Amino acid sequence: MSKSPDGRPRGRHARPPSEFEIRWTRLAAWPRRSWRHRLAAAGTVLAAGAAIASAAVLALPGGPGTGESGTAAVAVRSAAPPSPQGSAGALGDPDEVTDAVPYFQTRDPGKKVVRHVTDVRRSGSFVRVYTDLGEEEENSRPAVNLCEWTTQFLRNAGDDEPRVFVHGESDGNGSVVLANKQSDRDDCGVAETR
């Protein structure tokens, strides 16, 4: 009787191991291999996983190249409610808050105030509304309205502490602040700066 560790008979009449058994034995020797072998094996496994994941995504209904079902999926996704972070596309600016201006238009159907807005951006924890108003428009009704509307827009989206700056055009370097809300106590007015 043989005392071999794997339990297979050894000797002249023993059956040779199959290709599968040889590969399995090599794989079981994994801890004894060098770091290069381990790195190559890990890379192969990751590449195979990525290929399987890509194939699974492409096979999903509404995936790329599926014709009308892809169009329907896009239509369903675009019906989602607006977010305060904006819905800039994959190629757009992630700091741009594109849903703010449509919200402002619901508050200002005549577009007397909204027509002054040139850009709405997120800057850290602040939202900045850039306008074509002049620096003499500090604490003006349009600037304060935009500040209040932006604050409400952010609160509707779940922001408990909205921070807003409304900027106007300046002859000097930068954009002058026309109205702002830096804390819950602020009323969107700015202190006299002259």
N, C-alpha and C. Protein backbone atom coordinates (compact mmCIF):
# COMPACT_ATOMS: atom_id res chain seq x y z
N MET A 1 0.84 -1.17 0.00
CA MET A 1 0.00 0.00 0.00
C MET A 1 0.88 1.24 0.00
N SER A 2 0.53 2.18 -0.77
CA SER A 2 1.29 3.42 -0.92
C SER A 2 0.86 4.43 0.13
N LYS A 3 1.81 5.23 0.58
CA LYS A 3 1.48 6.29 1.54
C LYS A 3 1.66 7.65 0.87
N SER A 4 1.18 7.79 -0.33
CA SER A 4 1.29 9.06 -1.04
C SER A 4 0.28 10.05 -0.47
N PRO A 5 0.60 11.32 -0.45
CA PRO A 5 -0.29 12.32 0.16
C PRO A 5 -1.60 12.53 -0.60
N ASP A 6 -1.63 12.33 -1.90
CA ASP A 6 -2.86 12.62 -2.62
C ASP A 6 -3.75 11.39 -2.77
N GLY A 7 -3.34 10.20 -2.30
CA GLY A 7 -4.20 9.04 -2.30
C GLY A 7 -4.27 8.29 -3.61
N ARG A 8 -3.63 8.78 -4.67
CA ARG A 8 -3.64 8.07 -5.94
C ARG A 8 -2.58 6.98 -5.92
N PRO A 9 -2.82 5.86 -6.58
CA PRO A 9 -1.80 4.80 -6.62
C PRO A 9 -0.60 5.27 -7.45
N ARG A 10 0.56 4.90 -7.00
CA ARG A 10 1.79 5.27 -7.69
C ARG A 10 2.46 3.98 -8.19
N GLY A 11 3.30 4.15 -9.10
CA GLY A 11 4.06 2.99 -9.58
C GLY A 11 3.89 2.80 -11.06
N ARG A 12 4.32 1.63 -11.51
CA ARG A 12 4.37 1.34 -12.92
C ARG A 12 3.01 1.25 -13.58
N HIS A 13 2.03 0.80 -12.86
CA HIS A 13 0.70 0.64 -13.45
C HIS A 13 -0.26 1.78 -13.09
N ALA A 14 0.24 2.81 -12.49
CA ALA A 14 -0.61 3.94 -12.09
C ALA A 14 -1.05 4.73 -13.32
N ARG A 15 -2.21 5.23 -13.23
CA ARG A 15 -2.77 6.03 -14.32
C ARG A 15 -2.08 7.40 -14.29
N PRO A 16 -1.62 7.92 -15.42
CA PRO A 16 -1.00 9.25 -15.43
C PRO A 16 -2.06 10.32 -15.15
N PRO A 17 -1.66 11.43 -14.53
CA PRO A 17 -2.64 12.48 -14.24
C PRO A 17 -3.17 13.12 -15.52
N SER A 18 -4.43 13.55 -15.46
CA SER A 18 -5.04 14.21 -16.61
C SER A 18 -4.54 15.65 -16.69
N GLU A 19 -4.83 16.29 -17.81
CA GLU A 19 -4.44 17.69 -18.00
C GLU A 19 -5.08 18.58 -16.94
N PHE A 20 -6.32 18.28 -16.61
CA PHE A 20 -7.03 19.03 -15.58
C PHE A 20 -6.34 18.88 -14.23
N GLU A 21 -5.96 17.65 -13.89
CA GLU A 21 -5.29 17.41 -12.61
C GLU A 21 -3.96 18.15 -12.53
N ILE A 22 -3.25 18.18 -13.64
CA ILE A 22 -1.95 18.89 -13.67
C ILE A 22 -2.16 20.37 -13.42
N ARG A 23 -3.12 20.95 -14.12
CA ARG A 23 -3.39 22.40 -13.94
C ARG A 23 -3.89 22.70 -12.53
N TRP A 24 -4.74 21.83 -12.01
CA TRP A 24 -5.27 22.04 -10.67
C TRP A 24 -4.15 21.98 -9.63
N THR A 25 -3.24 21.06 -9.80
CA THR A 25 -2.10 20.94 -8.88
C THR A 25 -1.23 22.18 -8.96
N ARG A 26 -1.02 22.70 -10.16
CA ARG A 26 -0.23 23.94 -10.30
C ARG A 26 -0.93 25.11 -9.64
N LEU A 27 -2.24 25.16 -9.80
CA LEU A 27 -3.00 26.25 -9.17
C LEU A 27 -2.94 26.14 -7.65
N ALA A 28 -2.98 24.94 -7.15
CA ALA A 28 -2.91 24.74 -5.70
C ALA A 28 -1.55 25.14 -5.16
N ALA A 29 -0.53 25.19 -6.01
CA ALA A 29 0.80 25.61 -5.59
C ALA A 29 0.93 27.14 -5.58
N TRP A 30 -0.15 27.84 -5.66
CA TRP A 30 -0.18 29.30 -5.73
C TRP A 30 0.69 29.99 -4.68
N PRO A 31 0.60 29.63 -3.40
CA PRO A 31 1.41 30.37 -2.42
C PRO A 31 2.91 30.23 -2.63
N ARG A 32 3.35 29.21 -3.31
CA ARG A 32 4.78 29.00 -3.49
C ARG A 32 5.32 29.74 -4.71
N ARG A 33 4.48 30.40 -5.44
CA ARG A 33 4.93 31.08 -6.66
C ARG A 33 5.51 32.45 -6.33
N SER A 34 6.24 33.01 -7.27
CA SER A 34 6.84 34.33 -7.08
C SER A 34 5.80 35.43 -7.25
N TRP A 35 6.17 36.62 -6.85
CA TRP A 35 5.25 37.75 -6.94
C TRP A 35 4.90 38.07 -8.39
N ARG A 36 5.78 37.80 -9.32
CA ARG A 36 5.49 38.06 -10.74
C ARG A 36 4.38 37.14 -11.23
N HIS A 37 4.45 35.89 -10.82
CA HIS A 37 3.40 34.95 -11.21
C HIS A 37 2.06 35.36 -10.60
N ARG A 38 2.10 35.78 -9.36
CA ARG A 38 0.87 36.20 -8.69
C ARG A 38 0.28 37.43 -9.37
N LEU A 39 1.16 38.39 -9.71
CA LEU A 39 0.70 39.60 -10.37
C LEU A 39 0.10 39.28 -11.74
N ALA A 40 0.73 38.40 -12.48
CA ALA A 40 0.20 38.02 -13.79
C ALA A 40 -1.14 37.31 -13.66
N ALA A 41 -1.26 36.44 -12.68
CA ALA A 41 -2.52 35.74 -12.48
C ALA A 41 -3.62 36.71 -12.05
N ALA A 42 -3.29 37.64 -11.15
CA ALA A 42 -4.28 38.61 -10.70
C ALA A 42 -4.74 39.49 -11.86
N GLY A 43 -3.81 39.90 -12.72
CA GLY A 43 -4.17 40.70 -13.89
C GLY A 43 -5.08 39.96 -14.84
N THR A 44 -4.80 38.68 -15.03
CA THR A 44 -5.64 37.85 -15.89
C THR A 44 -7.05 37.73 -15.33
N VAL A 45 -7.14 37.52 -14.02
CA VAL A 45 -8.45 37.40 -13.39
C VAL A 45 -9.22 38.71 -13.49
N LEU A 46 -8.54 39.85 -13.27
CA LEU A 46 -9.22 41.15 -13.38
C LEU A 46 -9.68 41.43 -14.81
N ALA A 47 -8.85 41.10 -15.78
CA ALA A 47 -9.23 41.32 -17.18
C ALA A 47 -10.44 40.45 -17.55
N ALA A 48 -10.45 39.22 -17.07
CA ALA A 48 -11.60 38.34 -17.35
C ALA A 48 -12.86 38.88 -16.68
N GLY A 49 -12.72 39.37 -15.46
CA GLY A 49 -13.88 39.95 -14.75
C GLY A 49 -14.41 41.18 -15.47
N ALA A 50 -13.51 42.03 -15.96
CA ALA A 50 -13.95 43.22 -16.69
C ALA A 50 -14.66 42.84 -17.98
N ALA A 51 -14.16 41.83 -18.66
CA ALA A 51 -14.80 41.39 -19.90
C ALA A 51 -16.19 40.84 -19.63
N ILE A 52 -16.32 40.08 -18.57
CA ILE A 52 -17.64 39.53 -18.22
C ILE A 52 -18.61 40.64 -17.83
N ALA A 53 -18.12 41.62 -17.05
CA ALA A 53 -18.98 42.74 -16.65
C ALA A 53 -19.41 43.56 -17.86
N SER A 54 -18.51 43.81 -18.79
CA SER A 54 -18.85 44.56 -20.00
C SER A 54 -19.90 43.82 -20.82
N ALA A 55 -19.72 42.52 -20.96
CA ALA A 55 -20.69 41.73 -21.72
C ALA A 55 -22.05 41.76 -21.04
N ALA A 56 -22.07 41.74 -19.70
CA ALA A 56 -23.34 41.77 -18.98
C ALA A 56 -24.04 43.11 -19.17
N VAL A 57 -23.28 44.21 -19.15
CA VAL A 57 -23.88 45.54 -19.33
C VAL A 57 -24.44 45.68 -20.74
N LEU A 58 -23.70 45.20 -21.72
CA LEU A 58 -24.18 45.30 -23.10
C LEU A 58 -25.40 44.43 -23.35
N ALA A 59 -25.56 43.37 -22.59
CA ALA A 59 -26.69 42.47 -22.77
C ALA A 59 -27.96 42.97 -22.08
N LEU A 60 -27.83 43.98 -21.21
CA LEU A 60 -29.01 44.49 -20.51
C LEU A 60 -29.98 45.16 -21.47
N PRO A 61 -31.28 45.10 -21.18
CA PRO A 61 -32.24 45.82 -22.02
C PRO A 61 -31.97 47.31 -21.92
N GLY A 62 -31.98 47.99 -23.04
CA GLY A 62 -31.73 49.43 -23.06
C GLY A 62 -30.25 49.74 -23.13
N GLY A 63 -29.41 48.74 -23.28
CA GLY A 63 -27.97 48.94 -23.40
C GLY A 63 -27.64 49.54 -24.76
N PRO A 64 -26.37 49.88 -24.98
CA PRO A 64 -25.98 50.46 -26.26
C PRO A 64 -26.27 49.51 -27.42
N GLY A 65 -26.76 50.09 -28.49
CA GLY A 65 -26.99 49.32 -29.70
C GLY A 65 -28.24 48.46 -29.67
N THR A 66 -29.19 48.73 -28.80
CA THR A 66 -30.38 47.90 -28.76
C THR A 66 -31.56 48.52 -29.47
N GLY A 67 -31.35 49.62 -30.15
CA GLY A 67 -32.43 50.21 -30.95
C GLY A 67 -33.40 51.00 -30.10
N GLU A 68 -34.69 50.76 -30.30
CA GLU A 68 -35.71 51.56 -29.65
C GLU A 68 -35.76 51.38 -28.15
N SER A 69 -35.41 50.21 -27.63
CA SER A 69 -35.44 50.01 -26.19
C SER A 69 -34.43 50.93 -25.51
N GLY A 70 -33.30 51.22 -26.16
CA GLY A 70 -32.33 52.15 -25.62
C GLY A 70 -32.91 53.55 -25.55
N THR A 71 -33.67 53.94 -26.58
CA THR A 71 -34.30 55.25 -26.58
C THR A 71 -35.34 55.35 -25.48
N ALA A 72 -36.09 54.29 -25.27
CA ALA A 72 -37.10 54.31 -24.21
C ALA A 72 -36.45 54.41 -22.85
N ALA A 73 -35.33 53.73 -22.67
CA ALA A 73 -34.65 53.81 -21.38
C ALA A 73 -34.14 55.21 -21.13
N VAL A 74 -33.64 55.90 -22.17
CA VAL A 74 -33.18 57.27 -22.00
C VAL A 74 -34.36 58.17 -21.66
N ALA A 75 -35.50 57.94 -22.29
CA ALA A 75 -36.67 58.76 -22.00
C ALA A 75 -37.12 58.56 -20.56
N VAL A 76 -37.05 57.35 -20.07
CA VAL A 76 -37.44 57.10 -18.67
C VAL A 76 -36.46 57.77 -17.73
N ARG A 77 -35.16 57.67 -18.02
CA ARG A 77 -34.17 58.30 -17.15
C ARG A 77 -34.31 59.81 -17.13
N SER A 78 -34.66 60.43 -18.25
CA SER A 78 -34.76 61.89 -18.29
C SER A 78 -36.01 62.40 -17.59
N ALA A 79 -36.95 61.52 -17.27
CA ALA A 79 -38.15 61.96 -16.57
C ALA A 79 -37.93 62.06 -15.07
N ALA A 80 -36.73 61.78 -14.58
CA ALA A 80 -36.43 61.86 -13.15
C ALA A 80 -36.49 63.32 -12.70
N PRO A 81 -36.81 63.57 -11.42
CA PRO A 81 -36.88 64.94 -10.93
C PRO A 81 -35.50 65.59 -10.94
N PRO A 82 -35.45 66.92 -11.06
CA PRO A 82 -34.16 67.61 -11.11
C PRO A 82 -33.41 67.50 -9.79
N SER A 83 -32.09 67.51 -9.88
CA SER A 83 -31.27 67.45 -8.68
C SER A 83 -30.53 68.76 -8.53
N PRO A 84 -30.15 69.13 -7.30
CA PRO A 84 -29.44 70.38 -7.11
C PRO A 84 -28.02 70.34 -7.65
N GLN A 85 -27.47 69.17 -7.86
CA GLN A 85 -26.14 69.06 -8.41
C GLN A 85 -26.15 69.28 -9.91
N GLY A 86 -27.30 69.30 -10.50
CA GLY A 86 -27.40 69.51 -11.94
C GLY A 86 -27.34 68.19 -12.66
N SER A 87 -27.79 68.21 -13.89
CA SER A 87 -27.78 67.00 -14.69
C SER A 87 -26.86 67.18 -15.88
N ALA A 88 -25.67 67.72 -15.63
CA ALA A 88 -24.71 67.89 -16.71
C ALA A 88 -24.36 66.53 -17.25
N GLY A 89 -24.24 66.45 -18.57
CA GLY A 89 -23.94 65.18 -19.20
C GLY A 89 -22.55 64.70 -18.85
N ALA A 90 -22.20 63.55 -19.38
CA ALA A 90 -20.90 62.96 -19.07
C ALA A 90 -19.78 63.88 -19.56
N LEU A 91 -20.02 64.65 -20.61
CA LEU A 91 -19.01 65.55 -21.12
C LEU A 91 -19.13 66.94 -20.54
N GLY A 92 -20.20 67.23 -19.78
CA GLY A 92 -20.42 68.55 -19.23
C GLY A 92 -19.60 68.80 -17.98
N ASP A 93 -19.74 70.01 -17.46
CA ASP A 93 -19.03 70.43 -16.25
C ASP A 93 -19.76 69.90 -15.03
N PRO A 94 -19.09 69.15 -14.15
CA PRO A 94 -19.77 68.60 -12.98
C PRO A 94 -20.18 69.66 -11.96
N ASP A 95 -19.56 70.85 -12.00
CA ASP A 95 -19.91 71.91 -11.05
C ASP A 95 -21.10 72.74 -11.51
N GLU A 96 -21.51 72.57 -12.75
CA GLU A 96 -22.62 73.35 -13.29
C GLU A 96 -23.94 72.81 -12.74
N VAL A 97 -24.79 73.71 -12.26
CA VAL A 97 -26.11 73.33 -11.73
C VAL A 97 -27.12 73.70 -12.80
N THR A 98 -27.42 72.75 -13.68
CA THR A 98 -28.25 73.04 -14.84
C THR A 98 -29.73 73.09 -14.51
N ASP A 99 -30.15 72.51 -13.39
CA ASP A 99 -31.58 72.49 -13.06
C ASP A 99 -32.05 73.75 -12.34
N ALA A 100 -31.13 74.65 -11.99
CA ALA A 100 -31.50 75.84 -11.24
C ALA A 100 -32.29 76.83 -12.10
N VAL A 101 -31.83 77.09 -13.31
CA VAL A 101 -32.50 78.09 -14.16
C VAL A 101 -33.94 77.68 -14.48
N PRO A 102 -34.22 76.41 -14.82
CA PRO A 102 -35.62 76.03 -15.01
C PRO A 102 -36.46 76.24 -13.74
N TYR A 103 -35.86 76.02 -12.57
CA TYR A 103 -36.58 76.28 -11.32
C TYR A 103 -36.86 77.78 -11.17
N PHE A 104 -35.86 78.61 -11.50
CA PHE A 104 -36.06 80.06 -11.43
C PHE A 104 -37.19 80.50 -12.37
N GLN A 105 -37.27 79.88 -13.53
CA GLN A 105 -38.30 80.24 -14.50
C GLN A 105 -39.70 79.93 -13.99
N THR A 106 -39.83 78.92 -13.14
CA THR A 106 -41.15 78.64 -12.55
C THR A 106 -41.52 79.73 -11.55
N ARG A 107 -40.53 80.36 -10.94
CA ARG A 107 -40.78 81.44 -9.98
C ARG A 107 -40.93 82.80 -10.67
N ASP A 108 -40.43 82.91 -11.90
CA ASP A 108 -40.43 84.18 -12.63
C ASP A 108 -40.92 83.94 -14.06
N PRO A 109 -42.25 83.72 -14.22
CA PRO A 109 -42.76 83.41 -15.56
C PRO A 109 -42.50 84.52 -16.58
N GLY A 110 -42.45 85.77 -16.15
CA GLY A 110 -42.20 86.88 -17.08
C GLY A 110 -40.74 87.03 -17.45
N LYS A 111 -39.87 86.28 -16.81
CA LYS A 111 -38.43 86.29 -17.04
C LYS A 111 -37.81 87.67 -16.86
N LYS A 112 -38.36 88.44 -15.93
CA LYS A 112 -37.78 89.75 -15.65
C LYS A 112 -36.48 89.63 -14.86
N VAL A 113 -36.39 88.60 -14.02
CA VAL A 113 -35.19 88.40 -13.21
C VAL A 113 -34.30 87.33 -13.83
N VAL A 114 -34.89 86.25 -14.32
CA VAL A 114 -34.13 85.12 -14.84
C VAL A 114 -33.29 85.51 -16.04
N ARG A 115 -33.70 86.47 -16.80
CA ARG A 115 -32.94 86.86 -17.99
C ARG A 115 -31.55 87.39 -17.65
N HIS A 116 -31.34 87.77 -16.38
CA HIS A 116 -30.03 88.28 -15.96
C HIS A 116 -29.05 87.16 -15.60
N VAL A 117 -29.53 85.94 -15.41
CA VAL A 117 -28.66 84.83 -15.00
C VAL A 117 -27.81 84.37 -16.18
N THR A 118 -26.49 84.30 -15.96
CA THR A 118 -25.58 83.83 -17.00
C THR A 118 -25.02 82.44 -16.69
N ASP A 119 -24.94 82.07 -15.41
CA ASP A 119 -24.38 80.77 -15.04
C ASP A 119 -24.73 80.47 -13.58
N VAL A 120 -24.90 79.19 -13.27
CA VAL A 120 -25.12 78.73 -11.90
C VAL A 120 -24.15 77.59 -11.67
N ARG A 121 -23.29 77.73 -10.63
CA ARG A 121 -22.24 76.75 -10.38
C ARG A 121 -22.16 76.40 -8.90
N ARG A 122 -21.75 75.17 -8.66
CA ARG A 122 -21.44 74.74 -7.30
C ARG A 122 -19.96 74.96 -7.08
N SER A 123 -19.63 75.56 -5.95
CA SER A 123 -18.23 75.83 -5.60
C SER A 123 -18.04 75.35 -4.17
N GLY A 124 -17.65 74.09 -4.02
CA GLY A 124 -17.54 73.50 -2.68
C GLY A 124 -18.93 73.33 -2.11
N SER A 125 -19.18 73.92 -0.93
CA SER A 125 -20.50 73.81 -0.32
C SER A 125 -21.40 74.98 -0.71
N PHE A 126 -20.90 75.90 -1.53
CA PHE A 126 -21.67 77.07 -1.96
C PHE A 126 -22.23 76.87 -3.36
N VAL A 127 -23.33 77.58 -3.63
CA VAL A 127 -23.83 77.68 -5.01
C VAL A 127 -23.71 79.15 -5.40
N ARG A 128 -23.09 79.38 -6.53
CA ARG A 128 -22.87 80.75 -7.01
C ARG A 128 -23.72 80.98 -8.25
N VAL A 129 -24.47 82.08 -8.22
CA VAL A 129 -25.31 82.47 -9.34
C VAL A 129 -24.66 83.70 -9.97
N TYR A 130 -24.20 83.56 -11.21
CA TYR A 130 -23.56 84.66 -11.91
C TYR A 130 -24.59 85.36 -12.79
N THR A 131 -24.59 86.69 -12.76
CA THR A 131 -25.57 87.48 -13.51
C THR A 131 -24.85 88.55 -14.34
N ASP A 132 -25.64 89.23 -15.18
CA ASP A 132 -25.11 90.36 -15.93
C ASP A 132 -25.44 91.68 -15.26
N LEU A 133 -25.90 91.61 -14.00
CA LEU A 133 -26.21 92.83 -13.26
C LEU A 133 -24.91 93.57 -12.92
N GLY A 134 -24.98 94.89 -12.87
CA GLY A 134 -23.80 95.69 -12.55
C GLY A 134 -23.52 95.71 -11.05
N GLU A 135 -22.32 96.18 -10.67
CA GLU A 135 -21.95 96.17 -9.26
C GLU A 135 -22.74 97.19 -8.43
N GLU A 136 -23.42 98.11 -9.08
CA GLU A 136 -24.29 99.05 -8.36
C GLU A 136 -25.63 98.42 -7.97
N GLU A 137 -25.88 97.20 -8.43
CA GLU A 137 -27.13 96.48 -8.14
C GLU A 137 -27.07 95.69 -6.83
N GLU A 138 -26.14 96.04 -5.95
CA GLU A 138 -26.00 95.36 -4.67
C GLU A 138 -27.29 95.49 -3.87
N ASN A 139 -27.80 94.38 -3.35
CA ASN A 139 -29.05 94.31 -2.58
C ASN A 139 -30.27 94.72 -3.39
N SER A 140 -30.17 94.66 -4.71
CA SER A 140 -31.32 95.00 -5.55
C SER A 140 -32.35 93.87 -5.47
N ARG A 141 -33.57 94.17 -5.87
CA ARG A 141 -34.64 93.17 -5.82
C ARG A 141 -34.31 91.93 -6.67
N PRO A 142 -33.80 92.08 -7.91
CA PRO A 142 -33.46 90.88 -8.68
C PRO A 142 -32.38 90.03 -8.00
N ALA A 143 -31.36 90.66 -7.43
CA ALA A 143 -30.28 89.92 -6.78
C ALA A 143 -30.80 89.17 -5.55
N VAL A 144 -31.60 89.84 -4.74
CA VAL A 144 -32.15 89.21 -3.53
C VAL A 144 -33.12 88.09 -3.91
N ASN A 145 -33.95 88.32 -4.95
CA ASN A 145 -34.86 87.27 -5.42
C ASN A 145 -34.08 86.02 -5.84
N LEU A 146 -33.01 86.20 -6.62
CA LEU A 146 -32.22 85.06 -7.05
C LEU A 146 -31.61 84.33 -5.86
N CYS A 147 -31.17 85.06 -4.86
CA CYS A 147 -30.61 84.44 -3.66
C CYS A 147 -31.68 83.63 -2.93
N GLU A 148 -32.85 84.21 -2.76
CA GLU A 148 -33.94 83.51 -2.06
C GLU A 148 -34.41 82.28 -2.85
N TRP A 149 -34.52 82.40 -4.17
CA TRP A 149 -34.97 81.28 -4.99
C TRP A 149 -33.95 80.14 -4.97
N THR A 150 -32.67 80.50 -5.02
CA THR A 150 -31.63 79.47 -4.97
C THR A 150 -31.64 78.77 -3.62
N THR A 151 -31.85 79.52 -2.56
CA THR A 151 -31.93 78.93 -1.22
C THR A 151 -33.09 77.94 -1.15
N GLN A 152 -34.25 78.32 -1.68
CA GLN A 152 -35.40 77.43 -1.68
C GLN A 152 -35.17 76.21 -2.57
N PHE A 153 -34.53 76.42 -3.71
CA PHE A 153 -34.18 75.33 -4.62
C PHE A 153 -33.33 74.29 -3.90
N LEU A 154 -32.33 74.75 -3.16
CA LEU A 154 -31.45 73.83 -2.43
C LEU A 154 -32.18 73.14 -1.28
N ARG A 155 -33.04 73.87 -0.59
CA ARG A 155 -33.81 73.25 0.51
C ARG A 155 -34.75 72.17 -0.03
N ASN A 156 -35.39 72.44 -1.16
CA ASN A 156 -36.27 71.45 -1.78
C ASN A 156 -35.51 70.18 -2.15
N ALA A 157 -34.22 70.33 -2.44
CA ALA A 157 -33.40 69.18 -2.81
C ALA A 157 -32.78 68.49 -1.60
N GLY A 158 -33.08 68.97 -0.38
CA GLY A 158 -32.60 68.30 0.81
C GLY A 158 -31.39 68.93 1.48
N ASP A 159 -30.95 70.08 1.02
CA ASP A 159 -29.82 70.78 1.64
C ASP A 159 -30.33 71.51 2.88
N ASP A 160 -29.84 71.11 4.05
CA ASP A 160 -30.31 71.72 5.30
C ASP A 160 -29.69 73.09 5.56
N GLU A 161 -28.51 73.34 5.04
CA GLU A 161 -27.81 74.59 5.26
C GLU A 161 -27.36 75.19 3.93
N PRO A 162 -28.28 75.72 3.13
CA PRO A 162 -27.89 76.26 1.83
C PRO A 162 -27.04 77.52 1.98
N ARG A 163 -26.00 77.60 1.17
CA ARG A 163 -25.11 78.76 1.14
C ARG A 163 -25.08 79.26 -0.30
N VAL A 164 -25.45 80.52 -0.50
CA VAL A 164 -25.66 81.06 -1.84
C VAL A 164 -24.94 82.40 -1.99
N PHE A 165 -24.34 82.61 -3.14
CA PHE A 165 -23.76 83.90 -3.52
C PHE A 165 -24.32 84.28 -4.88
N VAL A 166 -24.80 85.50 -5.02
CA VAL A 166 -25.25 86.04 -6.30
C VAL A 166 -24.21 87.07 -6.73
N HIS A 167 -23.60 86.85 -7.88
CA HIS A 167 -22.52 87.71 -8.37
C HIS A 167 -22.99 88.56 -9.54
N GLY A 168 -22.43 89.76 -9.61
CA GLY A 168 -22.67 90.65 -10.74
C GLY A 168 -21.38 90.92 -11.47
N GLU A 169 -21.49 91.60 -12.61
CA GLU A 169 -20.31 91.95 -13.38
C GLU A 169 -19.59 93.12 -12.72
N SER A 170 -18.29 93.10 -12.81
CA SER A 170 -17.48 94.15 -12.21
C SER A 170 -16.50 94.68 -13.24
N ASP A 171 -16.19 95.98 -13.16
CA ASP A 171 -15.20 96.56 -14.06
C ASP A 171 -13.80 96.08 -13.69
N GLY A 172 -13.60 95.77 -12.41
CA GLY A 172 -12.29 95.31 -11.95
C GLY A 172 -12.12 93.81 -12.12
N ASN A 173 -11.25 93.25 -11.35
CA ASN A 173 -10.94 91.82 -11.43
C ASN A 173 -11.93 91.03 -10.58
N GLY A 174 -12.61 90.07 -11.17
CA GLY A 174 -13.52 89.21 -10.42
C GLY A 174 -14.97 89.64 -10.54
N SER A 175 -15.82 88.99 -9.75
CA SER A 175 -17.25 89.26 -9.76
C SER A 175 -17.67 89.77 -8.38
N VAL A 176 -18.38 90.87 -8.38
CA VAL A 176 -18.81 91.46 -7.12
C VAL A 176 -20.02 90.68 -6.59
N VAL A 177 -20.12 90.58 -5.25
CA VAL A 177 -21.24 89.88 -4.62
C VAL A 177 -22.39 90.88 -4.45
N LEU A 178 -23.54 90.55 -5.04
CA LEU A 178 -24.71 91.42 -4.97
C LEU A 178 -25.66 91.00 -3.85
N ALA A 179 -25.71 89.72 -3.56
CA ALA A 179 -26.55 89.18 -2.48
C ALA A 179 -25.94 87.84 -2.07
N ASN A 180 -26.10 87.51 -0.78
CA ASN A 180 -25.58 86.21 -0.35
C ASN A 180 -26.30 85.72 0.90
N LYS A 181 -26.19 84.43 1.11
CA LYS A 181 -26.73 83.77 2.30
C LYS A 181 -25.64 82.85 2.79
N GLN A 182 -24.95 83.27 3.87
CA GLN A 182 -23.84 82.50 4.40
C GLN A 182 -24.21 81.68 5.62
N SER A 183 -25.37 81.96 6.21
CA SER A 183 -25.83 81.19 7.37
C SER A 183 -27.35 81.22 7.39
N ASP A 184 -27.94 80.46 8.31
CA ASP A 184 -29.40 80.43 8.39
C ASP A 184 -29.98 81.77 8.85
N ARG A 185 -29.17 82.59 9.49
CA ARG A 185 -29.65 83.90 9.97
C ARG A 185 -29.63 84.96 8.89
N ASP A 186 -28.86 84.74 7.83
CA ASP A 186 -28.77 85.74 6.75
C ASP A 186 -30.10 85.87 6.01
N ASP A 187 -30.36 87.08 5.52
CA ASP A 187 -31.60 87.34 4.77
C ASP A 187 -31.30 87.65 3.30
N CYS A 188 -30.14 87.23 2.81
CA CYS A 188 -29.69 87.42 1.44
C CYS A 188 -29.19 88.84 1.16
N GLY A 189 -29.23 89.71 2.10
CA GLY A 189 -28.67 91.04 1.91
C GLY A 189 -27.21 91.07 2.23
N VAL A 190 -26.45 91.97 1.56
CA VAL A 190 -25.04 92.12 1.87
C VAL A 190 -24.81 93.45 2.59
N ALA A 191 -23.82 93.47 3.45
CA ALA A 191 -23.50 94.69 4.19
C ALA A 191 -22.89 95.71 3.24
N GLU A 192 -22.96 96.95 3.61
CA GLU A 192 -22.39 98.03 2.80
C GLU A 192 -20.88 97.82 2.67
N THR A 193 -20.38 97.81 1.43
CA THR A 193 -18.95 97.55 1.22
C THR A 193 -18.19 98.79 0.82
N ARG A 194 -18.85 99.92 0.67
CA ARG A 194 -18.13 101.15 0.24
C ARG A 194 -17.86 102.03 1.40
